[in-house]
Amino acid sequence: MSEEDLLKNYDKLLERVYQKIPPKSGTSDLQLPEAQLIRVGTQTIIKNFRDISQKLKRDPQLVSRYLLKELASAGSYEDYSGQLILNVKVSRKVIEQLLDIFVKSYVKCPTCGSIDTKIEHRGKIWVLVCEACGAEQPVKAF
């Protein structure tokens, strides 16, 4: 084979590899929508909770379970309205801090910093799998 044929094959193989790699969403460019809170008595309602969960690329049930555990509170996620009802008074600042911790622990890849990740449940272990670099990191269950 000549050098020109090798380069053509290399270009075809390189193009094929890039087609198989999923597109990156970015690294630390994650901008969460501001939580829209409503307080009713001792309850706090996050109106745009579904939007926040979609931006995190996580199931709202999973994110709500995390928030409820961290706040040591009862509450429920309403699937039809996309709202999270917390049975405790909580400020926007506390919600934003908890979501930042969630992003660092359960969304952002510790190896490359990408937000293109998913959480897999393997037996009793939860694993954060990066779709950008392929790294796998066990994470604390909640």
Protein backbone atom coordinates (compact mmCIF):
# COMPACT_ATOMS: atom_id res chain seq x y z
CA MET A 1 0.00 0.00 0.00
CA SER A 2 1.17 3.48 -0.76
CA GLU A 3 1.27 6.31 1.76
CA GLU A 4 -1.68 7.95 0.03
CA ASP A 5 -3.84 4.81 0.43
CA LEU A 6 -2.88 4.56 4.11
CA LEU A 7 -3.88 8.18 4.70
CA LYS A 8 -7.24 7.66 2.97
CA ASN A 9 -7.91 4.59 5.11
CA TYR A 10 -6.83 6.50 8.21
CA ASP A 11 -9.20 9.36 7.37
CA LYS A 12 -12.08 6.91 6.83
CA LEU A 13 -11.36 5.14 10.12
CA LEU A 14 -11.06 8.44 11.96
CA GLU A 15 -14.36 9.63 10.51
CA ARG A 16 -16.00 6.34 11.57
CA VAL A 17 -14.69 6.73 15.13
CA TYR A 18 -16.05 10.27 15.41
CA GLN A 19 -19.47 9.08 14.22
CA LYS A 20 -19.60 6.51 17.02
CA ILE A 21 -18.62 8.95 19.79
CA PRO A 22 -21.66 10.70 21.28
CA PRO A 23 -21.63 14.51 21.02
CA LYS A 24 -20.44 16.30 24.15
CA SER A 25 -22.74 18.59 26.07
CA GLY A 26 -19.78 20.43 27.48
CA THR A 27 -17.77 20.30 30.62
CA SER A 28 -18.63 22.71 33.38
CA ASP A 29 -21.16 24.73 31.36
CA LEU A 30 -24.11 23.41 33.36
CA GLN A 31 -26.47 26.31 34.07
CA LEU A 32 -29.42 25.18 36.16
CA PRO A 33 -32.67 27.13 35.99
CA GLU A 34 -33.34 29.15 39.13
CA ALA A 35 -35.64 27.23 41.48
CA GLN A 36 -39.13 28.74 41.56
CA LEU A 37 -40.24 28.35 45.16
CA ILE A 38 -43.69 28.79 46.66
CA ARG A 39 -44.21 28.59 50.41
CA VAL A 40 -47.57 27.40 51.70
CA GLY A 41 -47.63 27.17 55.49
CA THR A 42 -44.82 24.83 56.46
CA GLN A 43 -44.48 23.43 52.92
CA THR A 44 -42.13 24.54 50.16
CA ILE A 45 -43.04 23.77 46.56
CA ILE A 46 -40.44 23.79 43.78
CA LYS A 47 -42.57 24.58 40.72
CA ASN A 48 -39.94 23.95 38.03
CA PHE A 49 -38.46 20.79 39.55
CA ARG A 50 -38.98 18.72 36.37
CA ASP A 51 -37.04 21.33 34.33
CA ILE A 52 -34.18 21.24 36.83
CA SER A 53 -34.05 17.42 36.72
CA GLN A 54 -34.10 17.40 32.91
CA LYS A 55 -31.21 19.87 32.83
CA LEU A 56 -29.30 17.53 35.16
CA LYS A 57 -30.21 14.56 32.89
CA ARG A 58 -31.46 12.67 35.92
CA ASP A 59 -34.79 11.09 36.82
CA PRO A 60 -36.85 13.51 38.95
CA GLN A 61 -37.57 10.68 41.40
CA LEU A 62 -33.82 10.23 41.95
CA VAL A 63 -33.15 13.94 42.46
CA SER A 64 -36.17 14.30 44.77
CA ARG A 65 -35.00 11.32 46.86
CA TYR A 66 -31.61 13.03 47.25
CA LEU A 67 -33.12 16.37 48.30
CA LEU A 68 -35.55 14.76 50.74
CA LYS A 69 -32.74 12.78 52.36
CA GLU A 70 -30.44 15.79 52.64
CA LEU A 71 -33.22 17.98 54.07
CA ALA A 72 -34.32 15.15 56.42
CA SER A 73 -37.88 15.88 55.38
CA ALA A 74 -40.91 14.17 53.97
CA GLY A 75 -42.26 15.23 50.61
CA SER A 76 -43.40 14.03 47.23
CA TYR A 77 -42.80 14.55 43.53
CA GLU A 78 -45.94 15.13 41.46
CA ASP A 79 -45.33 13.60 38.06
CA TYR A 80 -48.29 15.28 36.36
CA SER A 81 -47.29 18.83 37.37
CA GLY A 82 -43.52 18.42 37.64
CA GLN A 83 -43.47 19.96 41.12
CA LEU A 84 -41.64 18.80 44.23
CA ILE A 85 -43.49 19.35 47.49
CA LEU A 86 -41.28 19.52 50.58
CA ASN A 87 -42.87 19.36 54.02
CA VAL A 88 -40.40 21.88 55.44
CA LYS A 89 -39.64 25.57 55.01
CA VAL A 90 -36.43 25.94 53.02
CA SER A 91 -34.76 28.88 51.28
CA ARG A 92 -33.72 29.12 47.64
CA LYS A 93 -30.08 29.38 48.74
CA VAL A 94 -30.23 26.01 50.54
CA ILE A 95 -31.85 24.33 47.51
CA GLU A 96 -29.17 25.77 45.21
CA GLN A 97 -26.38 24.61 47.54
CA LEU A 98 -27.81 21.09 47.68
CA LEU A 99 -28.17 20.99 43.89
CA ASP A 100 -24.54 22.14 43.51
CA ILE A 101 -23.41 19.29 45.77
CA PHE A 102 -25.60 16.89 43.75
CA VAL A 103 -23.94 18.05 40.51
CA LYS A 104 -20.44 17.59 41.94
CA SER A 105 -21.23 14.15 43.37
CA TYR A 106 -23.71 12.61 40.92
CA VAL A 107 -23.48 14.46 37.59
CA LYS A 108 -19.98 15.76 36.86
CA CYS A 109 -17.28 13.24 35.90
CA PRO A 110 -14.44 13.39 38.47
CA THR A 111 -11.92 12.38 35.78
CA CYS A 112 -12.61 14.73 32.86
CA GLY A 113 -15.20 17.15 34.28
CA SER A 114 -17.84 16.31 31.66
CA ILE A 115 -21.55 16.43 32.46
CA ASP A 116 -22.28 13.68 29.92
CA THR A 117 -22.77 11.01 32.57
CA LYS A 118 -25.34 8.52 33.74
CA ILE A 119 -25.90 6.64 36.97
CA GLU A 120 -26.17 2.85 36.82
CA HIS A 121 -27.33 0.59 39.61
CA ARG A 122 -25.16 -2.55 39.73
CA GLY A 123 -26.36 -4.81 42.48
CA LYS A 124 -25.91 -2.82 45.67
CA ILE A 125 -23.52 -0.31 44.10
CA TRP A 126 -24.35 2.93 42.29
CA VAL A 127 -21.84 3.80 39.56
CA LEU A 128 -21.35 7.13 37.77
CA VAL A 129 -20.45 6.31 34.15
CA CYS A 130 -18.95 9.05 31.95
CA GLU A 131 -20.05 8.86 28.32
CA ALA A 132 -17.25 11.21 27.25
CA CYS A 133 -14.15 9.49 28.65
CA GLY A 134 -15.56 6.11 29.75
CA ALA A 135 -14.51 6.49 33.38
CA GLU A 136 -16.56 4.71 36.03
CA GLN A 137 -16.75 5.93 39.61
CA PRO A 138 -18.74 4.36 42.45
CA VAL A 139 -20.95 6.93 44.18
CA LYS A 140 -22.58 7.00 47.58
CA ALA A 141 -26.12 5.58 47.53
CA PHE A 142 -28.99 7.70 48.76
